[in-house]
Amino acid sequence: MNYSERALLVTAVGDDRTIVLPASIPRGATIGIVVLSNPPAPELSRKARFKAALAEIEAAIVHSERQPIPVLPDAEFNALIEHARKDSTPLE
């Protein structure tokens, strides 16, 4: 799988468990989700928030190297995505 560099977006999961993305993210786009242990403080500059989020992502990578997350078979992964699509409110 090839990855291309994109801007880092930091957002919070809403009370209804939705994640709001900007309109610039096209429907069907593949996204990665990393749960940050400590959300970057809003009073930090944009650059400082980016560095904090990047540090969390790097820590998650190191953790996953020590305790790999089992890879789901494609069919099971696709079923989870389909289930999430059915349970979510469409983005407009």
PDB file of N, CA and C in Angstrom:
ATOM      1  N   MET A   1       0.853  -1.172   0.000  1.00  0.00           N
ATOM      2  CA  MET A   1       0.000   0.000   0.000  1.00  0.00           C
ATOM      3  C   MET A   1       0.894   1.228   0.000  1.00  0.00           C
ATOM      4  N   ASN A   2       0.566   2.196  -0.816  1.00  0.00           N
ATOM      5  CA  ASN A   2       1.325   3.434  -0.878  1.00  0.00           C
ATOM      6  C   ASN A   2       0.579   4.530  -0.145  1.00  0.00           C
ATOM      7  N   TYR A   3       1.320   5.373   0.517  1.00  0.00           N
ATOM      8  CA  TYR A   3       0.737   6.494   1.232  1.00  0.00           C
ATOM      9  C   TYR A   3       1.289   7.776   0.643  1.00  0.00           C
ATOM     10  N   SER A   4       0.469   8.795   0.588  1.00  0.00           N
ATOM     11  CA  SER A   4       0.942  10.095   0.152  1.00  0.00           C
ATOM     12  C   SER A   4       0.754  11.068   1.297  1.00  0.00           C
ATOM     13  N   GLU A   5       1.587  12.068   1.353  1.00  0.00           N
ATOM     14  CA  GLU A   5       1.561  13.025   2.450  1.00  0.00           C
ATOM     15  C   GLU A   5       0.366  13.954   2.315  1.00  0.00           C
ATOM     16  N   ARG A   6      -0.320  14.177   3.410  1.00  0.00           N
ATOM     17  CA  ARG A   6      -1.468  15.086   3.459  1.00  0.00           C
ATOM     18  C   ARG A   6      -1.343  15.938   4.713  1.00  0.00           C
ATOM     19  N   ALA A   7      -2.127  16.979   4.761  1.00  0.00           N
ATOM     20  CA  ALA A   7      -2.145  17.838   5.947  1.00  0.00           C
ATOM     21  C   ALA A   7      -2.707  17.066   7.138  1.00  0.00           C
ATOM     22  N   LEU A   8      -2.222  17.370   8.327  1.00  0.00           N
ATOM     23  CA  LEU A   8      -2.728  16.743   9.546  1.00  0.00           C
ATOM     24  C   LEU A   8      -3.945  17.521  10.018  1.00  0.00           C
ATOM     25  N   LEU A   9      -5.044  16.826  10.227  1.00  0.00           N
ATOM     26  CA  LEU A   9      -6.260  17.432  10.754  1.00  0.00           C
ATOM     27  C   LEU A   9      -6.486  16.874  12.147  1.00  0.00           C
ATOM     28  N   VAL A  10      -6.771  17.733  13.096  1.00  0.00           N
ATOM     29  CA  VAL A  10      -7.056  17.294  14.460  1.00  0.00           C
ATOM     30  C   VAL A  10      -8.468  17.744  14.788  1.00  0.00           C
ATOM     31  N   THR A  11      -9.295  16.793  15.183  1.00  0.00           N
ATOM     32  CA  THR A  11     -10.679  17.087  15.523  1.00  0.00           C
ATOM     33  C   THR A  11     -11.093  16.177  16.676  1.00  0.00           C
ATOM     34  N   ALA A  12     -12.254  16.385  17.198  1.00  0.00           N
ATOM     35  CA  ALA A  12     -12.744  15.567  18.308  1.00  0.00           C
ATOM     36  C   ALA A  12     -13.965  14.778  17.849  1.00  0.00           C
ATOM     37  N   VAL A  13     -14.157  13.631  18.458  1.00  0.00           N
ATOM     38  CA  VAL A  13     -15.349  12.823  18.196  1.00  0.00           C
ATOM     39  C   VAL A  13     -16.501  13.480  18.946  1.00  0.00           C
ATOM     40  N   GLY A  14     -17.605  13.707  18.249  1.00  0.00           N
ATOM     41  CA  GLY A  14     -18.765  14.354  18.855  1.00  0.00           C
ATOM     42  C   GLY A  14     -19.498  13.437  19.819  1.00  0.00           C
ATOM     43  N   ASP A  15     -20.435  14.008  20.559  1.00  0.00           N
ATOM     44  CA  ASP A  15     -21.230  13.224  21.514  1.00  0.00           C
ATOM     45  C   ASP A  15     -21.965  12.079  20.837  1.00  0.00           C
ATOM     46  N   ASP A  16     -22.320  12.276  19.564  1.00  0.00           N
ATOM     47  CA  ASP A  16     -23.007  11.218  18.820  1.00  0.00           C
ATOM     48  C   ASP A  16     -22.017  10.313  18.083  1.00  0.00           C
ATOM     49  N   ARG A  17     -20.727  10.409  18.436  1.00  0.00           N
ATOM     50  CA  ARG A  17     -19.624   9.591  17.925  1.00  0.00           C
ATOM     51  C   ARG A  17     -19.308   9.873  16.455  1.00  0.00           C
ATOM     52  N   THR A  18     -19.676  11.065  15.975  1.00  0.00           N
ATOM     53  CA  THR A  18     -19.327  11.421  14.604  1.00  0.00           C
ATOM     54  C   THR A  18     -18.038  12.232  14.596  1.00  0.00           C
ATOM     55  N   ILE A  19     -17.374  12.204  13.474  1.00  0.00           N
ATOM     56  CA  ILE A  19     -16.158  12.988  13.274  1.00  0.00           C
ATOM     57  C   ILE A  19     -16.454  13.926  12.118  1.00  0.00           C
ATOM     58  N   VAL A  20     -16.386  15.210  12.358  1.00  0.00           N
ATOM     59  CA  VAL A  20     -16.685  16.197  11.334  1.00  0.00           C
ATOM     60  C   VAL A  20     -15.390  16.524  10.590  1.00  0.00           C
ATOM     61  N   LEU A  21     -15.440  16.384   9.274  1.00  0.00           N
ATOM     62  CA  LEU A  21     -14.292  16.676   8.428  1.00  0.00           C
ATOM     63  C   LEU A  21     -14.621  17.861   7.533  1.00  0.00           C
ATOM     64  N   PRO A  22     -13.597  18.621   7.136  1.00  0.00           N
ATOM     65  CA  PRO A  22     -13.863  19.742   6.232  1.00  0.00           C
ATOM     66  C   PRO A  22     -14.320  19.246   4.864  1.00  0.00           C
ATOM     67  N   ALA A  23     -15.006  20.100   4.140  1.00  0.00           N
ATOM     68  CA  ALA A  23     -15.526  19.745   2.816  1.00  0.00           C
ATOM     69  C   ALA A  23     -14.406  19.410   1.839  1.00  0.00           C
ATOM     70  N   SER A  24     -13.181  19.823   2.146  1.00  0.00           N
ATOM     71  CA  SER A  24     -12.046  19.543   1.251  1.00  0.00           C
ATOM     72  C   SER A  24     -11.677  18.058   1.233  1.00  0.00           C
ATOM     73  N   ILE A  25     -12.161  17.291   2.214  1.00  0.00           N
ATOM     74  CA  ILE A  25     -11.923  15.846   2.237  1.00  0.00           C
ATOM     75  C   ILE A  25     -13.031  15.197   1.407  1.00  0.00           C
ATOM     76  N   PRO A  26     -12.685  14.586   0.273  1.00  0.00           N
ATOM     77  CA  PRO A  26     -13.731  14.046  -0.609  1.00  0.00           C
ATOM     78  C   PRO A  26     -14.397  12.801  -0.033  1.00  0.00           C
ATOM     79  N   ARG A  27     -15.635  12.583  -0.416  1.00  0.00           N
ATOM     80  CA  ARG A  27     -16.333  11.348  -0.037  1.00  0.00           C
ATOM     81  C   ARG A  27     -15.534  10.161  -0.548  1.00  0.00           C
ATOM     82  N   GLY A  28     -15.451   9.121   0.233  1.00  0.00           N
ATOM     83  CA  GLY A  28     -14.728   7.925  -0.176  1.00  0.00           C
ATOM     84  C   GLY A  28     -13.237   7.994   0.078  1.00  0.00           C
ATOM     85  N   ALA A  29     -12.747   9.123   0.612  1.00  0.00           N
ATOM     86  CA  ALA A  29     -11.319   9.253   0.891  1.00  0.00           C
ATOM     87  C   ALA A  29     -10.924   8.281   1.997  1.00  0.00           C
ATOM     88  N   THR A  30      -9.724   7.752   1.916  1.00  0.00           N
ATOM     89  CA  THR A  30      -9.205   6.893   2.974  1.00  0.00           C
ATOM     90  C   THR A  30      -8.555   7.794   4.011  1.00  0.00           C
ATOM     91  N   ILE A  31      -8.961   7.626   5.270  1.00  0.00           N
ATOM     92  CA  ILE A  31      -8.393   8.440   6.340  1.00  0.00           C
ATOM     93  C   ILE A  31      -7.817   7.530   7.409  1.00  0.00           C
ATOM     94  N   GLY A  32      -6.917   8.060   8.203  1.00  0.00           N
ATOM     95  CA  GLY A  32      -6.371   7.339   9.347  1.00  0.00           C
ATOM     96  C   GLY A  32      -6.836   8.036  10.609  1.00  0.00           C
ATOM     97  N   ILE A  33      -7.124   7.265  11.624  1.00  0.00           N
ATOM     98  CA  ILE A  33      -7.586   7.832  12.888  1.00  0.00           C
ATOM     99  C   ILE A  33      -6.637   7.381  13.987  1.00  0.00           C
ATOM    100  N   VAL A  34      -6.128   8.336  14.733  1.00  0.00           N
ATOM    101  CA  VAL A  34      -5.265   8.046  15.874  1.00  0.00           C
ATOM    102  C   VAL A  34      -5.916   8.691  17.089  1.00  0.00           C
ATOM    103  N   VAL A  35      -6.151   7.911  18.127  1.00  0.00           N
ATOM    104  CA  VAL A  35      -6.719   8.458  19.355  1.00  0.00           C
ATOM    105  C   VAL A  35      -5.563   9.020  20.167  1.00  0.00           C
ATOM    106  N   LEU A  36      -5.597  10.328  20.407  1.00  0.00           N
ATOM    107  CA  LEU A  36      -4.536  10.996  21.163  1.00  0.00           C
ATOM    108  C   LEU A  36      -4.822  10.854  22.651  1.00  0.00           C
ATOM    109  N   SER A  37      -3.795  10.511  23.400  1.00  0.00           N
ATOM    110  CA  SER A  37      -4.007  10.334  24.833  1.00  0.00           C
ATOM    111  C   SER A  37      -4.293  11.671  25.519  1.00  0.00           C
ATOM    112  N   ASN A  38      -3.674  12.713  25.046  1.00  0.00           N
ATOM    113  CA  ASN A  38      -3.898  14.047  25.586  1.00  0.00           C
ATOM    114  C   ASN A  38      -4.114  14.999  24.418  1.00  0.00           C
ATOM    115  N   PRO A  39      -5.329  15.504  24.253  1.00  0.00           N
ATOM    116  CA  PRO A  39      -5.538  16.418  23.125  1.00  0.00           C
ATOM    117  C   PRO A  39      -4.657  17.650  23.271  1.00  0.00           C
ATOM    118  N   PRO A  40      -4.097  18.142  22.161  1.00  0.00           N
ATOM    119  CA  PRO A  40      -3.276  19.353  22.243  1.00  0.00           C
ATOM    120  C   PRO A  40      -4.084  20.513  22.813  1.00  0.00           C
ATOM    121  N   ALA A  41      -3.471  21.260  23.708  1.00  0.00           N
ATOM    122  CA  ALA A  41      -4.153  22.392  24.339  1.00  0.00           C
ATOM    123  C   ALA A  41      -4.484  23.465  23.304  1.00  0.00           C
ATOM    124  N   PRO A  42      -5.719  24.006  23.354  1.00  0.00           N
ATOM    125  CA  PRO A  42      -6.113  24.991  22.348  1.00  0.00           C
ATOM    126  C   PRO A  42      -5.278  26.271  22.388  1.00  0.00           C
ATOM    127  N   GLU A  43      -4.679  26.564  23.544  1.00  0.00           N
ATOM    128  CA  GLU A  43      -3.908  27.808  23.635  1.00  0.00           C
ATOM    129  C   GLU A  43      -2.534  27.693  22.964  1.00  0.00           C
ATOM    130  N   LEU A  44      -2.154  26.471  22.595  1.00  0.00           N
ATOM    131  CA  LEU A  44      -0.891  26.294  21.888  1.00  0.00           C
ATOM    132  C   LEU A  44      -1.016  26.828  20.465  1.00  0.00           C
ATOM    133  N   SER A  45       0.107  27.216  19.915  1.00  0.00           N
ATOM    134  CA  SER A  45       0.092  27.672  18.533  1.00  0.00           C
ATOM    135  C   SER A  45      -0.231  26.499  17.615  1.00  0.00           C
ATOM    136  N   ARG A  46      -0.581  26.801  16.383  1.00  0.00           N
ATOM    137  CA  ARG A  46      -0.889  25.749  15.416  1.00  0.00           C
ATOM    138  C   ARG A  46       0.297  24.814  15.245  1.00  0.00           C
ATOM    139  N   LYS A  47       1.491  25.365  15.192  1.00  0.00           N
ATOM    140  CA  LYS A  47       2.696  24.559  15.022  1.00  0.00           C
ATOM    141  C   LYS A  47       2.924  23.662  16.244  1.00  0.00           C
ATOM    142  N   ALA A  48       2.689  24.188  17.440  1.00  0.00           N
ATOM    143  CA  ALA A  48       2.857  23.397  18.664  1.00  0.00           C
ATOM    144  C   ALA A  48       1.827  22.269  18.726  1.00  0.00           C
ATOM    145  N   ARG A  49       0.573  22.549  18.296  1.00  0.00           N
ATOM    146  CA  ARG A  49      -0.450  21.492  18.278  1.00  0.00           C
ATOM    147  C   ARG A  49      -0.070  20.408  17.285  1.00  0.00           C
ATOM    148  N   PHE A  50       0.468  20.809  16.135  1.00  0.00           N
ATOM    149  CA  PHE A  50       0.912  19.836  15.137  1.00  0.00           C
ATOM    150  C   PHE A  50       2.020  18.962  15.718  1.00  0.00           C
ATOM    151  N   LYS A  51       2.994  19.581  16.393  1.00  0.00           N
ATOM    152  CA  LYS A  51       4.095  18.816  16.987  1.00  0.00           C
ATOM    153  C   LYS A  51       3.575  17.843  18.049  1.00  0.00           C
ATOM    154  N   ALA A  52       2.611  18.288  18.861  1.00  0.00           N
ATOM    155  CA  ALA A  52       2.055  17.423  19.902  1.00  0.00           C
ATOM    156  C   ALA A  52       1.331  16.234  19.277  1.00  0.00           C
ATOM    157  N   ALA A  53       0.545  16.500  18.234  1.00  0.00           N
ATOM    158  CA  ALA A  53      -0.166  15.411  17.562  1.00  0.00           C
ATOM    159  C   ALA A  53       0.810  14.466  16.888  1.00  0.00           C
ATOM    160  N   LEU A  54       1.854  15.001  16.265  1.00  0.00           N
ATOM    161  CA  LEU A  54       2.861  14.171  15.613  1.00  0.00           C
ATOM    162  C   LEU A  54       3.580  13.281  16.632  1.00  0.00           C
ATOM    163  N   ALA A  55       3.871  13.828  17.804  1.00  0.00           N
ATOM    164  CA  ALA A  55       4.516  13.038  18.859  1.00  0.00           C
ATOM    165  C   ALA A  55       3.612  11.881  19.280  1.00  0.00           C
ATOM    166  N   GLU A  56       2.308  12.119  19.379  1.00  0.00           N
ATOM    167  CA  GLU A  56       1.356  11.057  19.727  1.00  0.00           C
ATOM    168  C   GLU A  56       1.326   9.974  18.649  1.00  0.00           C
ATOM    169  N   ILE A  57       1.349  10.393  17.382  1.00  0.00           N
ATOM    170  CA  ILE A  57       1.342   9.425  16.282  1.00  0.00           C
ATOM    171  C   ILE A  57       2.607   8.584  16.321  1.00  0.00           C
ATOM    172  N   GLU A  58       3.756   9.230  16.549  1.00  0.00           N
ATOM    173  CA  GLU A  58       5.022   8.490  16.630  1.00  0.00           C
ATOM    174  C   GLU A  58       5.006   7.507  17.803  1.00  0.00           C
ATOM    175  N   ALA A  59       4.449   7.931  18.933  1.00  0.00           N
ATOM    176  CA  ALA A  59       4.351   7.030  20.091  1.00  0.00           C
ATOM    177  C   ALA A  59       3.448   5.843  19.771  1.00  0.00           C
ATOM    178  N   ALA A  60       2.358   6.084  19.031  1.00  0.00           N
ATOM    179  CA  ALA A  60       1.457   4.993  18.644  1.00  0.00           C
ATOM    180  C   ALA A  60       2.168   4.009  17.724  1.00  0.00           C
ATOM    181  N   ILE A  61       3.017   4.522  16.831  1.00  0.00           N
ATOM    182  CA  ILE A  61       3.771   3.646  15.931  1.00  0.00           C
ATOM    183  C   ILE A  61       4.729   2.776  16.735  1.00  0.00           C
ATOM    184  N   VAL A  62       5.455   3.379  17.671  1.00  0.00           N
ATOM    185  CA  VAL A  62       6.390   2.617  18.510  1.00  0.00           C
ATOM    186  C   VAL A  62       5.630   1.555  19.304  1.00  0.00           C
ATOM    187  N   HIS A  63       4.480   1.937  19.866  1.00  0.00           N
ATOM    188  CA  HIS A  63       3.670   0.987  20.638  1.00  0.00           C
ATOM    189  C   HIS A  63       3.209  -0.173  19.757  1.00  0.00           C
ATOM    190  N   SER A  64       2.785   0.146  18.526  1.00  0.00           N
ATOM    191  CA  SER A  64       2.286  -0.917  17.642  1.00  0.00           C
ATOM    192  C   SER A  64       3.408  -1.843  17.188  1.00  0.00           C
ATOM    193  N   GLU A  65       4.645  -1.343  17.196  1.00  0.00           N
ATOM    194  CA  GLU A  65       5.773  -2.214  16.847  1.00  0.00           C
ATOM    195  C   GLU A  65       6.039  -3.215  17.973  1.00  0.00           C
ATOM    196  N   ARG A  66       5.814  -2.782  19.221  1.00  0.00           N
ATOM    197  CA  ARG A  66       6.008  -3.677  20.369  1.00  0.00           C
ATOM    198  C   ARG A  66       4.827  -4.621  20.549  1.00  0.00           C
ATOM    199  N   GLN A  67       3.630  -4.115  20.328  1.00  0.00           N
ATOM    200  CA  GLN A  67       2.406  -4.906  20.457  1.00  0.00           C
ATOM    201  C   GLN A  67       1.575  -4.708  19.201  1.00  0.00           C
ATOM    202  N   PRO A  68       1.909  -5.443  18.146  1.00  0.00           N
ATOM    203  CA  PRO A  68       1.192  -5.243  16.880  1.00  0.00           C
ATOM    204  C   PRO A  68      -0.308  -5.473  17.012  1.00  0.00           C
ATOM    205  N   ILE A  69      -1.035  -4.649  16.297  1.00  0.00           N
ATOM    206  CA  ILE A  69      -2.486  -4.795  16.240  1.00  0.00           C
ATOM    207  C   ILE A  69      -2.779  -5.856  15.190  1.00  0.00           C
ATOM    208  N   PRO A  70      -3.574  -6.859  15.517  1.00  0.00           N
ATOM    209  CA  PRO A  70      -3.878  -7.884  14.523  1.00  0.00           C
ATOM    210  C   PRO A  70      -4.527  -7.268  13.283  1.00  0.00           C
ATOM    211  N   VAL A  71      -4.075  -7.680  12.130  1.00  0.00           N
ATOM    212  CA  VAL A  71      -4.623  -7.181  10.878  1.00  0.00           C
ATOM    213  C   VAL A  71      -5.883  -7.968  10.548  1.00  0.00           C
ATOM    214  N   LEU A  72      -6.954  -7.245  10.313  1.00  0.00           N
ATOM    215  CA  LEU A  72      -8.221  -7.897   9.970  1.00  0.00           C
ATOM    216  C   LEU A  72      -8.181  -8.358   8.520  1.00  0.00           C
ATOM    217  N   PRO A  73      -8.825  -9.450   8.224  1.00  0.00           N
ATOM    218  CA  PRO A  73      -8.968  -9.835   6.817  1.00  0.00           C
ATOM    219  C   PRO A  73      -9.754  -8.755   6.079  1.00  0.00           C
ATOM    220  N   ASP A  74      -9.477  -8.580   4.792  1.00  0.00           N
ATOM    221  CA  ASP A  74     -10.133  -7.539   4.003  1.00  0.00           C
ATOM    222  C   ASP A  74     -11.651  -7.591   4.124  1.00  0.00           C
ATOM    223  N   ALA A  75     -12.220  -8.769   4.064  1.00  0.00           N
ATOM    224  CA  ALA A  75     -13.678  -8.903   4.120  1.00  0.00           C
ATOM    225  C   ALA A  75     -14.223  -8.360   5.444  1.00  0.00           C
ATOM    226  N   GLU A  76     -13.547  -8.669   6.544  1.00  0.00           N
ATOM    227  CA  GLU A  76     -14.007  -8.200   7.859  1.00  0.00           C
ATOM    228  C   GLU A  76     -13.843  -6.687   7.980  1.00  0.00           C
ATOM    229  N   PHE A  77     -12.726  -6.164   7.470  1.00  0.00           N
ATOM    230  CA  PHE A  77     -12.476  -4.728   7.495  1.00  0.00           C
ATOM    231  C   PHE A  77     -13.527  -3.993   6.665  1.00  0.00           C
ATOM    232  N   ASN A  78     -13.804  -4.508   5.469  1.00  0.00           N
ATOM    233  CA  ASN A  78     -14.814  -3.892   4.606  1.00  0.00           C
ATOM    234  C   ASN A  78     -16.196  -3.937   5.252  1.00  0.00           C
ATOM    235  N   ALA A  79     -16.498  -5.024   5.958  1.00  0.00           N
ATOM    236  CA  ALA A  79     -17.790  -5.128   6.647  1.00  0.00           C
ATOM    237  C   ALA A  79     -17.897  -4.079   7.752  1.00  0.00           C
ATOM    238  N   LEU A  80     -16.805  -3.831   8.466  1.00  0.00           N
ATOM    239  CA  LEU A  80     -16.812  -2.801   9.513  1.00  0.00           C
ATOM    240  C   LEU A  80     -17.034  -1.416   8.911  1.00  0.00           C
ATOM    241  N   ILE A  81     -16.389  -1.146   7.778  1.00  0.00           N
ATOM    242  CA  ILE A  81     -16.565   0.147   7.105  1.00  0.00           C
ATOM    243  C   ILE A  81     -18.009   0.304   6.652  1.00  0.00           C
ATOM    244  N   GLU A  82     -18.571  -0.736   6.063  1.00  0.00           N
ATOM    245  CA  GLU A  82     -19.949  -0.690   5.593  1.00  0.00           C
ATOM    246  C   GLU A  82     -20.904  -0.462   6.761  1.00  0.00           C
ATOM    247  N   HIS A  83     -20.653  -1.132   7.884  1.00  0.00           N
ATOM    248  CA  HIS A  83     -21.478  -0.964   9.082  1.00  0.00           C
ATOM    249  C   HIS A  83     -21.399   0.488   9.572  1.00  0.00           C
ATOM    250  N   ALA A  84     -20.191   1.067   9.589  1.00  0.00           N
ATOM    251  CA  ALA A  84     -20.020   2.446  10.037  1.00  0.00           C
ATOM    252  C   ALA A  84     -20.739   3.414   9.103  1.00  0.00           C
ATOM    253  N   ARG A  85     -20.702   3.145   7.815  1.00  0.00           N
ATOM    254  CA  ARG A  85     -21.394   4.011   6.852  1.00  0.00           C
ATOM    255  C   ARG A  85     -22.902   3.987   7.077  1.00  0.00           C
ATOM    256  N   LYS A  86     -23.454   2.820   7.359  1.00  0.00           N
ATOM    257  CA  LYS A  86     -24.895   2.692   7.572  1.00  0.00           C
ATOM    258  C   LYS A  86     -25.315   3.381   8.870  1.00  0.00           C
ATOM    259  N   ASP A  87     -24.443   3.376   9.871  1.00  0.00           N
ATOM    260  CA  ASP A  87     -24.779   3.954  11.172  1.00  0.00           C
ATOM    261  C   ASP A  87     -24.507   5.451  11.250  1.00  0.00           C
ATOM    262  N   SER A  88     -23.868   6.028  10.250  1.00  0.00           N
ATOM    263  CA  SER A  88     -23.499   7.448  10.345  1.00  0.00           C
ATOM    264  C   SER A  88     -24.465   8.315   9.557  1.00  0.00           C
ATOM    265  N   THR A  89     -24.519   9.559   9.955  1.00  0.00           N
ATOM    266  CA  THR A  89     -25.309  10.540   9.235  1.00  0.00           C
ATOM    267  C   THR A  89     -24.514  10.985   8.021  1.00  0.00           C
ATOM    268  N   PRO A  90     -25.115  11.019   6.846  1.00  0.00           N
ATOM    269  CA  PRO A  90     -24.360  11.424   5.656  1.00  0.00           C
ATOM    270  C   PRO A  90     -23.823  12.843   5.776  1.00  0.00           C
ATOM    271  N   LEU A  91     -22.623  13.045   5.280  1.00  0.00           N
ATOM    272  CA  LEU A  91     -22.032  14.384   5.267  1.00  0.00           C
ATOM    273  C   LEU A  91     -22.590  15.140   4.072  1.00  0.00           C
ATOM    274  N   GLU A  92     -22.927  16.370   4.264  1.00  0.00           N
ATOM    275  CA  GLU A  92     -23.440  17.200   3.158  1.00  0.00           C
ATOM    276  C   GLU A  92     -22.549  18.387   2.977  1.00  0.00           C
TER     277      GLU A  92
END
